PDB file of N, CA and C in Angstrom:
ATOM      1  N   MET A   1      57.849  81.261  78.256  1.00  0.00           N
ATOM      2  CA  MET A   1      57.915  82.646  78.692  1.00  0.00           C
ATOM      3  C   MET A   1      58.591  82.695  80.061  1.00  0.00           C
ATOM      4  N   THR A   2      59.443  83.670  80.231  1.00  0.00           N
ATOM      5  CA  THR A   2      60.172  83.806  81.491  1.00  0.00           C
ATOM      6  C   THR A   2      59.684  85.028  82.259  1.00  0.00           C
ATOM      7  N   THR A   3      59.797  84.975  83.555  1.00  0.00           N
ATOM      8  CA  THR A   3      59.372  86.102  84.380  1.00  0.00           C
ATOM      9  C   THR A   3      60.542  86.996  84.768  1.00  0.00           C
ATOM     10  N   THR A   4      61.762  86.547  84.511  1.00  0.00           N
ATOM     11  CA  THR A   4      62.921  87.376  84.837  1.00  0.00           C
ATOM     12  C   THR A   4      63.406  88.079  83.584  1.00  0.00           C
ATOM     13  N   GLN A   5      63.799  89.298  83.753  1.00  0.00           N
ATOM     14  CA  GLN A   5      64.310  90.070  82.640  1.00  0.00           C
ATOM     15  C   GLN A   5      65.826  89.903  82.587  1.00  0.00           C
ATOM     16  N   GLU A   6      66.334  89.597  81.413  1.00  0.00           N
ATOM     17  CA  GLU A   6      67.774  89.429  81.246  1.00  0.00           C
ATOM     18  C   GLU A   6      68.449  90.792  81.362  1.00  0.00           C
ATOM     19  N   THR A   7      69.492  90.854  82.128  1.00  0.00           N
ATOM     20  CA  THR A   7      70.217  92.094  82.346  1.00  0.00           C
ATOM     21  C   THR A   7      71.471  92.105  81.489  1.00  0.00           C
ATOM     22  N   GLU A   8      71.707  93.225  80.835  1.00  0.00           N
ATOM     23  CA  GLU A   8      72.882  93.343  79.987  1.00  0.00           C
ATOM     24  C   GLU A   8      74.111  93.680  80.828  1.00  0.00           C
ATOM     25  N   HIS A   9      75.181  93.041  80.519  1.00  0.00           N
ATOM     26  CA  HIS A   9      76.447  93.282  81.205  1.00  0.00           C
ATOM     27  C   HIS A   9      77.198  94.372  80.454  1.00  0.00           C
ATOM     28  N   LEU A  10      76.849  95.614  80.768  1.00  0.00           N
ATOM     29  CA  LEU A  10      77.454  96.777  80.133  1.00  0.00           C
ATOM     30  C   LEU A  10      78.419  97.448  81.102  1.00  0.00           C
ATOM     31  N   HIS A  11      79.290  98.265  80.569  1.00  0.00           N
ATOM     32  CA  HIS A  11      80.264  98.960  81.419  1.00  0.00           C
ATOM     33  C   HIS A  11      79.620 100.137  82.128  1.00  0.00           C
ATOM     34  N   HIS A  12      80.206 100.459  83.251  1.00  0.00           N
ATOM     35  CA  HIS A  12      79.790 101.608  84.046  1.00  0.00           C
ATOM     36  C   HIS A  12      80.934 102.601  84.028  1.00  0.00           C
ATOM     37  N   ARG A  13      80.650 103.807  83.615  1.00  0.00           N
ATOM     38  CA  ARG A  13      81.692 104.824  83.561  1.00  0.00           C
ATOM     39  C   ARG A  13      81.700 105.621  84.854  1.00  0.00           C
ATOM     40  N   PRO A  14      82.811 106.071  85.333  1.00  0.00           N
ATOM     41  CA  PRO A  14      84.122 106.089  84.689  1.00  0.00           C
ATOM     42  C   PRO A  14      85.029 104.921  85.059  1.00  0.00           C
ATOM     43  N   ASP A  15      84.553 103.978  85.882  1.00  0.00           N
ATOM     44  CA  ASP A  15      85.464 102.912  86.319  1.00  0.00           C
ATOM     45  C   ASP A  15      85.583 101.751  85.337  1.00  0.00           C
ATOM     46  N   TRP A  16      84.676 101.640  84.404  1.00  0.00           N
ATOM     47  CA  TRP A  16      84.685 100.600  83.370  1.00  0.00           C
ATOM     48  C   TRP A  16      84.595  99.196  83.943  1.00  0.00           C
ATOM     49  N   ASN A  17      83.842  99.083  85.020  1.00  0.00           N
ATOM     50  CA  ASN A  17      83.495  97.767  85.539  1.00  0.00           C
ATOM     51  C   ASN A  17      82.084  97.441  85.069  1.00  0.00           C
ATOM     52  N   CYS A  18      81.751  96.168  85.044  1.00  0.00           N
ATOM     53  CA  CYS A  18      80.434  95.721  84.605  1.00  0.00           C
ATOM     54  C   CYS A  18      79.366  96.258  85.546  1.00  0.00           C
ATOM     55  N   HIS A  19      78.329  96.795  84.976  1.00  0.00           N
ATOM     56  CA  HIS A  19      77.222  97.356  85.743  1.00  0.00           C
ATOM     57  C   HIS A  19      76.490  96.278  86.542  1.00  0.00           C
ATOM     58  N   VAL A  20      76.512  95.035  86.065  1.00  0.00           N
ATOM     59  CA  VAL A  20      75.771  93.948  86.713  1.00  0.00           C
ATOM     60  C   VAL A  20      76.622  93.191  87.726  1.00  0.00           C
ATOM     61  N   CYS A  21      77.790  92.704  87.292  1.00  0.00           N
ATOM     62  CA  CYS A  21      78.576  91.816  88.167  1.00  0.00           C
ATOM     63  C   CYS A  21      79.769  92.500  88.836  1.00  0.00           C
ATOM     64  N   GLY A  22      80.113  93.708  88.395  1.00  0.00           N
ATOM     65  CA  GLY A  22      81.206  94.446  89.009  1.00  0.00           C
ATOM     66  C   GLY A  22      82.597  94.054  88.544  1.00  0.00           C
ATOM     67  N   SER A  23      82.695  93.086  87.651  1.00  0.00           N
ATOM     68  CA  SER A  23      83.997  92.663  87.119  1.00  0.00           C
ATOM     69  C   SER A  23      84.502  93.690  86.112  1.00  0.00           C
ATOM     70  N   PRO A  24      85.814  93.716  85.871  1.00  0.00           N
ATOM     71  CA  PRO A  24      86.326  94.602  84.829  1.00  0.00           C
ATOM     72  C   PRO A  24      85.636  94.286  83.496  1.00  0.00           C
ATOM     73  N   TRP A  25      85.143  95.332  82.833  1.00  0.00           N
ATOM     74  CA  TRP A  25      84.436  95.150  81.567  1.00  0.00           C
ATOM     75  C   TRP A  25      85.441  95.107  80.421  1.00  0.00           C
ATOM     76  N   PRO A  26      85.259  94.235  79.467  1.00  0.00           N
ATOM     77  CA  PRO A  26      84.166  93.296  79.305  1.00  0.00           C
ATOM     78  C   PRO A  26      84.346  92.062  80.184  1.00  0.00           C
ATOM     79  N   CYS A  27      83.345  91.821  81.001  1.00  0.00           N
ATOM     80  CA  CYS A  27      83.348  90.669  81.908  1.00  0.00           C
ATOM     81  C   CYS A  27      83.137  89.390  81.093  1.00  0.00           C
ATOM     82  N   PRO A  28      83.307  88.230  81.674  1.00  0.00           N
ATOM     83  CA  PRO A  28      83.134  86.980  80.915  1.00  0.00           C
ATOM     84  C   PRO A  28      81.779  86.855  80.213  1.00  0.00           C
ATOM     85  N   ILE A  29      80.713  87.297  80.856  1.00  0.00           N
ATOM     86  CA  ILE A  29      79.393  87.203  80.212  1.00  0.00           C
ATOM     87  C   ILE A  29      79.312  88.170  79.039  1.00  0.00           C
ATOM     88  N   ALA A  30      79.822  89.397  79.203  1.00  0.00           N
ATOM     89  CA  ALA A  30      79.824  90.358  78.103  1.00  0.00           C
ATOM     90  C   ALA A  30      80.667  89.835  76.944  1.00  0.00           C
ATOM     91  N   ARG A  31      81.802  89.222  77.241  1.00  0.00           N
ATOM     92  CA  ARG A  31      82.653  88.663  76.185  1.00  0.00           C
ATOM     93  C   ARG A  31      81.911  87.604  75.395  1.00  0.00           C
ATOM     94  N   SER A  32      81.238  86.716  76.100  1.00  0.00           N
ATOM     95  CA  SER A  32      80.485  85.653  75.433  1.00  0.00           C
ATOM     96  C   SER A  32      79.393  86.235  74.539  1.00  0.00           C
ATOM     97  N   ARG A  33      78.682  87.202  75.050  1.00  0.00           N
ATOM     98  CA  ARG A  33      77.607  87.830  74.266  1.00  0.00           C
ATOM     99  C   ARG A  33      78.156  88.604  73.078  1.00  0.00           C
ATOM    100  N   LEU A  34      79.266  89.293  73.271  1.00  0.00           N
ATOM    101  CA  LEU A  34      79.870  90.024  72.156  1.00  0.00           C
ATOM    102  C   LEU A  34      80.353  89.071  71.068  1.00  0.00           C
ATOM    103  N   LEU A  35      80.971  87.969  71.460  1.00  0.00           N
ATOM    104  CA  LEU A  35      81.406  86.977  70.470  1.00  0.00           C
ATOM    105  C   LEU A  35      80.225  86.452  69.676  1.00  0.00           C
ATOM    106  N   HIS A  36      79.120  86.221  70.350  1.00  0.00           N
ATOM    107  CA  HIS A  36      77.926  85.740  69.653  1.00  0.00           C
ATOM    108  C   HIS A  36      77.360  86.816  68.727  1.00  0.00           C
ATOM    109  N   GLU A  37      77.273  88.037  69.230  1.00  0.00           N
ATOM    110  CA  GLU A  37      76.698  89.138  68.454  1.00  0.00           C
ATOM    111  C   GLU A  37      77.517  89.439  67.201  1.00  0.00           C
ATOM    112  N   TYR A  38      78.826  89.381  67.305  1.00  0.00           N
ATOM    113  CA  TYR A  38      79.714  89.725  66.193  1.00  0.00           C
ATOM    114  C   TYR A  38      80.296  88.494  65.510  1.00  0.00           C
ATOM    115  N   ARG A  39      79.678  87.336  65.693  1.00  0.00           N
ATOM    116  CA  ARG A  39      80.244  86.083  65.167  1.00  0.00           C
ATOM    117  C   ARG A  39      80.503  86.128  63.661  1.00  0.00           C
ATOM    118  N   ALA A  40      79.696  86.834  62.902  1.00  0.00           N
ATOM    119  CA  ALA A  40      79.884  86.908  61.449  1.00  0.00           C
ATOM    120  C   ALA A  40      80.843  88.026  61.048  1.00  0.00           C
ATOM    121  N   LEU A  41      81.149  88.920  61.985  1.00  0.00           N
ATOM    122  CA  LEU A  41      81.989  90.089  61.682  1.00  0.00           C
ATOM    123  C   LEU A  41      83.046  90.302  62.765  1.00  0.00           C
ATOM    124  N   PRO A  42      83.992  89.378  62.903  1.00  0.00           N
ATOM    125  CA  PRO A  42      84.979  89.507  63.982  1.00  0.00           C
ATOM    126  C   PRO A  42      85.821  90.775  63.883  1.00  0.00           C
ATOM    127  N   SER A  43      86.052  91.276  62.677  1.00  0.00           N
ATOM    128  CA  SER A  43      86.833  92.515  62.558  1.00  0.00           C
ATOM    129  C   SER A  43      86.053  93.697  63.122  1.00  0.00           C
ATOM    130  N   MET A  44      84.736  93.690  62.995  1.00  0.00           N
ATOM    131  CA  MET A  44      83.919  94.756  63.573  1.00  0.00           C
ATOM    132  C   MET A  44      83.934  94.692  65.100  1.00  0.00           C
ATOM    133  N   LEU A  45      84.020  93.490  65.642  1.00  0.00           N
ATOM    134  CA  LEU A  45      84.145  93.341  67.093  1.00  0.00           C
ATOM    135  C   LEU A  45      85.426  94.000  67.569  1.00  0.00           C
ATOM    136  N   ARG A  46      86.514  93.769  66.877  1.00  0.00           N
ATOM    137  CA  ARG A  46      87.793  94.373  67.277  1.00  0.00           C
ATOM    138  C   ARG A  46      87.762  95.894  67.147  1.00  0.00           C
ATOM    139  N   ILE A  47      87.086  96.404  66.125  1.00  0.00           N
ATOM    140  CA  ILE A  47      86.953  97.860  65.976  1.00  0.00           C
ATOM    141  C   ILE A  47      86.143  98.425  67.138  1.00  0.00           C
ATOM    142  N   TYR A  48      85.031  97.780  67.464  1.00  0.00           N
ATOM    143  CA  TYR A  48      84.194  98.221  68.575  1.00  0.00           C
ATOM    144  C   TYR A  48      84.978  98.205  69.891  1.00  0.00           C
ATOM    145  N   LEU A  49      85.676  97.104  70.144  1.00  0.00           N
ATOM    146  CA  LEU A  49      86.435  96.984  71.383  1.00  0.00           C
ATOM    147  C   LEU A  49      87.589  97.978  71.444  1.00  0.00           C
ATOM    148  N   SER A  50      88.202  98.277  70.312  1.00  0.00           N
ATOM    149  CA  SER A  50      89.269  99.292  70.273  1.00  0.00           C
ATOM    150  C   SER A  50      88.724 100.647  70.686  1.00  0.00           C
ATOM    151  N   ALA A  51      87.571 101.010  70.152  1.00  0.00           N
ATOM    152  CA  ALA A  51      86.951 102.287  70.512  1.00  0.00           C
ATOM    153  C   ALA A  51      86.625 102.321  71.998  1.00  0.00           C
ATOM    154  N   GLN A  52      86.103 101.205  72.525  1.00  0.00           N
ATOM    155  CA  GLN A  52      85.777 101.143  73.947  1.00  0.00           C
ATOM    156  C   GLN A  52      87.035 101.251  74.800  1.00  0.00           C
ATOM    157  N   MET A  53      88.127 100.625  74.358  1.00  0.00           N
ATOM    158  CA  MET A  53      89.376 100.677  75.102  1.00  0.00           C
ATOM    159  C   MET A  53      89.891 102.122  75.189  1.00  0.00           C
ATOM    160  N   TYR A  54      89.811 102.859  74.088  1.00  0.00           N
ATOM    161  CA  TYR A  54      90.301 104.232  74.113  1.00  0.00           C
ATOM    162  C   TYR A  54      89.398 105.140  74.945  1.00  0.00           C
ATOM    163  N   GLU A  55      88.092 104.873  74.952  1.00  0.00           N
ATOM    164  CA  GLU A  55      87.204 105.635  75.839  1.00  0.00           C
ATOM    165  C   GLU A  55      87.541 105.346  77.300  1.00  0.00           C
ATOM    166  N   ALA A  56      87.797 104.083  77.607  1.00  0.00           N
ATOM    167  CA  ALA A  56      88.168 103.712  78.974  1.00  0.00           C
ATOM    168  C   ALA A  56      89.482 104.386  79.368  1.00  0.00           C
ATOM    169  N   LEU A  57      90.434 104.392  78.463  1.00  0.00           N
ATOM    170  CA  LEU A  57      91.718 105.030  78.726  1.00  0.00           C
ATOM    171  C   LEU A  57      91.531 106.514  79.023  1.00  0.00           C
ATOM    172  N   GLU A  58      90.704 107.185  78.244  1.00  0.00           N
ATOM    173  CA  GLU A  58      90.430 108.600  78.488  1.00  0.00           C
ATOM    174  C   GLU A  58      89.802 108.815  79.861  1.00  0.00           C
ATOM    175  N   ASP A  59      88.845 107.962  80.231  1.00  0.00           N
ATOM    176  CA  ASP A  59      88.206 108.086  81.544  1.00  0.00           C
ATOM    177  C   ASP A  59      89.199 107.853  82.677  1.00  0.00           C
ATOM    178  N   ILE A  60      90.055 106.871  82.507  1.00  0.00           N
ATOM    179  CA  ILE A  60      91.049 106.551  83.540  1.00  0.00           C
ATOM    180  C   ILE A  60      92.022 107.711  83.720  1.00  0.00           C
ATOM    181  N   ILE A  61      92.507 108.246  82.618  1.00  0.00           N
ATOM    182  CA  ILE A  61      93.453 109.365  82.675  1.00  0.00           C
ATOM    183  C   ILE A  61      92.782 110.611  83.244  1.00  0.00           C
ATOM    184  N   ALA A  62      91.533 110.870  82.820  1.00  0.00           N
ATOM    185  CA  ALA A  62      90.808 112.044  83.315  1.00  0.00           C
ATOM    186  C   ALA A  62      90.587 111.958  84.821  1.00  0.00           C
ATOM    187  N   GLY A  63      90.454 110.745  85.332  1.00  0.00           N
ATOM    188  CA  GLY A  63      90.273 110.551  86.769  1.00  0.00           C
ATOM    189  C   GLY A  63      91.565 110.630  87.556  1.00  0.00           C
ATOM    190  N   GLY A  64      92.686 110.780  86.861  1.00  0.00           N
ATOM    191  CA  GLY A  64      93.976 110.911  87.525  1.00  0.00           C
ATOM    192  C   GLY A  64      94.668 109.605  87.842  1.00  0.00           C
ATOM    193  N   ALA A  65      94.087 108.495  87.413  1.00  0.00           N
ATOM    194  CA  ALA A  65      94.684 107.183  87.696  1.00  0.00           C
ATOM    195  C   ALA A  65      95.685 106.806  86.612  1.00  0.00           C
ATOM    196  N   THR A  66      96.558 105.910  86.970  1.00  0.00           N
ATOM    197  CA  THR A  66      97.503 105.349  86.006  1.00  0.00           C
ATOM    198  C   THR A  66      96.802 104.228  85.248  1.00  0.00           C
ATOM    199  N   PRO A  67      96.885 104.240  83.921  1.00  0.00           N
ATOM    200  CA  PRO A  67      96.228 103.171  83.154  1.00  0.00           C
ATOM    201  C   PRO A  67      96.806 101.810  83.519  1.00  0.00           C
ATOM    202  N   PRO A  68      95.953 100.801  83.645  1.00  0.00           N
ATOM    203  CA  PRO A  68      96.454  99.463  83.947  1.00  0.00           C
ATOM    204  C   PRO A  68      97.299  98.933  82.791  1.00  0.00           C
ATOM    205  N   ILE A  69      98.296  98.129  83.118  1.00  0.00           N
ATOM    206  CA  ILE A  69      99.191  97.634  82.075  1.00  0.00           C
ATOM    207  C   ILE A  69      98.524  96.576  81.195  1.00  0.00           C
ATOM    208  N   ASN A  70      97.409  96.024  81.645  1.00  0.00           N
ATOM    209  CA  ASN A  70      96.754  94.962  80.882  1.00  0.00           C
ATOM    210  C   ASN A  70      95.541  95.455  80.094  1.00  0.00           C
ATOM    211  N   LEU A  71      95.456  96.743  79.815  1.00  0.00           N
ATOM    212  CA  LEU A  71      94.285  97.291  79.132  1.00  0.00           C
ATOM    213  C   LEU A  71      94.066  96.641  77.763  1.00  0.00           C
ATOM    214  N   TYR A  72      95.137  96.434  77.006  1.00  0.00           N
ATOM    215  CA  TYR A  72      95.006  95.802  75.692  1.00  0.00           C
ATOM    216  C   TYR A  72      94.457  94.381  75.830  1.00  0.00           C
ATOM    217  N   GLU A  73      95.020  93.605  76.731  1.00  0.00           N
ATOM    218  CA  GLU A  73      94.555  92.233  76.914  1.00  0.00           C
ATOM    219  C   GLU A  73      93.099  92.203  77.373  1.00  0.00           C
ATOM    220  N   ARG A  74      92.754  93.133  78.242  1.00  0.00           N
ATOM    221  CA  ARG A  74      91.394  93.199  78.778  1.00  0.00           C
ATOM    222  C   ARG A  74      90.366  93.468  77.681  1.00  0.00           C
ATOM    223  N   PHE A  75      90.681  94.379  76.774  1.00  0.00           N
ATOM    224  CA  PHE A  75      89.713  94.770  75.754  1.00  0.00           C
ATOM    225  C   PHE A  75      89.863  94.015  74.441  1.00  0.00           C
ATOM    226  N   LEU A  76      91.077  93.700  74.032  1.00  0.00           N
ATOM    227  CA  LEU A  76      91.276  93.138  72.689  1.00  0.00           C
ATOM    228  C   LEU A  76      91.945  91.777  72.638  1.00  0.00           C
ATOM    229  N   GLY A  77      92.812  91.480  73.552  1.00  0.00           N
ATOM    230  CA  GLY A  77      93.571  90.238  73.495  1.00  0.00           C
ATOM    231  C   GLY A  77      92.689  89.009  73.394  1.00  0.00           C
ATOM    232  N   TRP A  78      91.656  88.956  74.201  1.00  0.00           N
ATOM    233  CA  TRP A  78      90.767  87.798  74.207  1.00  0.00           C
ATOM    234  C   TRP A  78      89.997  87.669  72.894  1.00  0.00           C
ATOM    235  N   ALA A  79      89.629  88.787  72.286  1.00  0.00           N
ATOM    236  CA  ALA A  79      88.837  88.754  71.054  1.00  0.00           C
ATOM    237  C   ALA A  79      89.691  88.258  69.889  1.00  0.00           C
ATOM    238  N   GLN A  80      90.954  88.616  69.866  1.00  0.00           N
ATOM    239  CA  GLN A  80      91.825  88.160  68.786  1.00  0.00           C
ATOM    240  C   GLN A  80      92.150  86.684  68.928  1.00  0.00           C
ATOM    241  N   GLN A  81      92.203  86.198  70.155  1.00  0.00           N
ATOM    242  CA  GLN A  81      92.448  84.773  70.372  1.00  0.00           C
ATOM    243  C   GLN A  81      91.227  83.944  69.971  1.00  0.00           C
ATOM    244  N   SER A  82      90.038  84.536  70.104  1.00  0.00           N
ATOM    245  CA  SER A  82      88.811  83.824  69.763  1.00  0.00           C
ATOM    246  C   SER A  82      88.548  83.794  68.270  1.00  0.00           C
ATOM    247  N   HIS A  83      89.024  84.817  67.563  1.00  0.00           N
ATOM    248  CA  HIS A  83      88.831  84.921  66.115  1.00  0.00           C
ATOM    249  C   HIS A  83      90.167  85.234  65.462  1.00  0.00           C
ATOM    250  N   PRO A  84      90.890  84.242  65.026  1.00  0.00           N
ATOM    251  CA  PRO A  84      92.199  84.519  64.401  1.00  0.00           C
ATOM    252  C   PRO A  84      92.072  85.278  63.100  1.00  0.00           C
TER     253      PRO A  84
END
């Protein structure tokens, strides 16, 4: 039994940085957990991440910022490399 509660590395809107570590979401810990969670359904992981990417894009545009050029790599590129 542990006395520390595990904290989920979820995104914080509207900046889409990790709520725990402050890294661009999905941060390395979130990526690892997502790969584990969706290990049997890699196509569902890509669908989930695609939806998250478009929500992030909407938030970025609504805030008046220019979307980063690496948004695809940030949300989907790593997942496709992990599951061909």
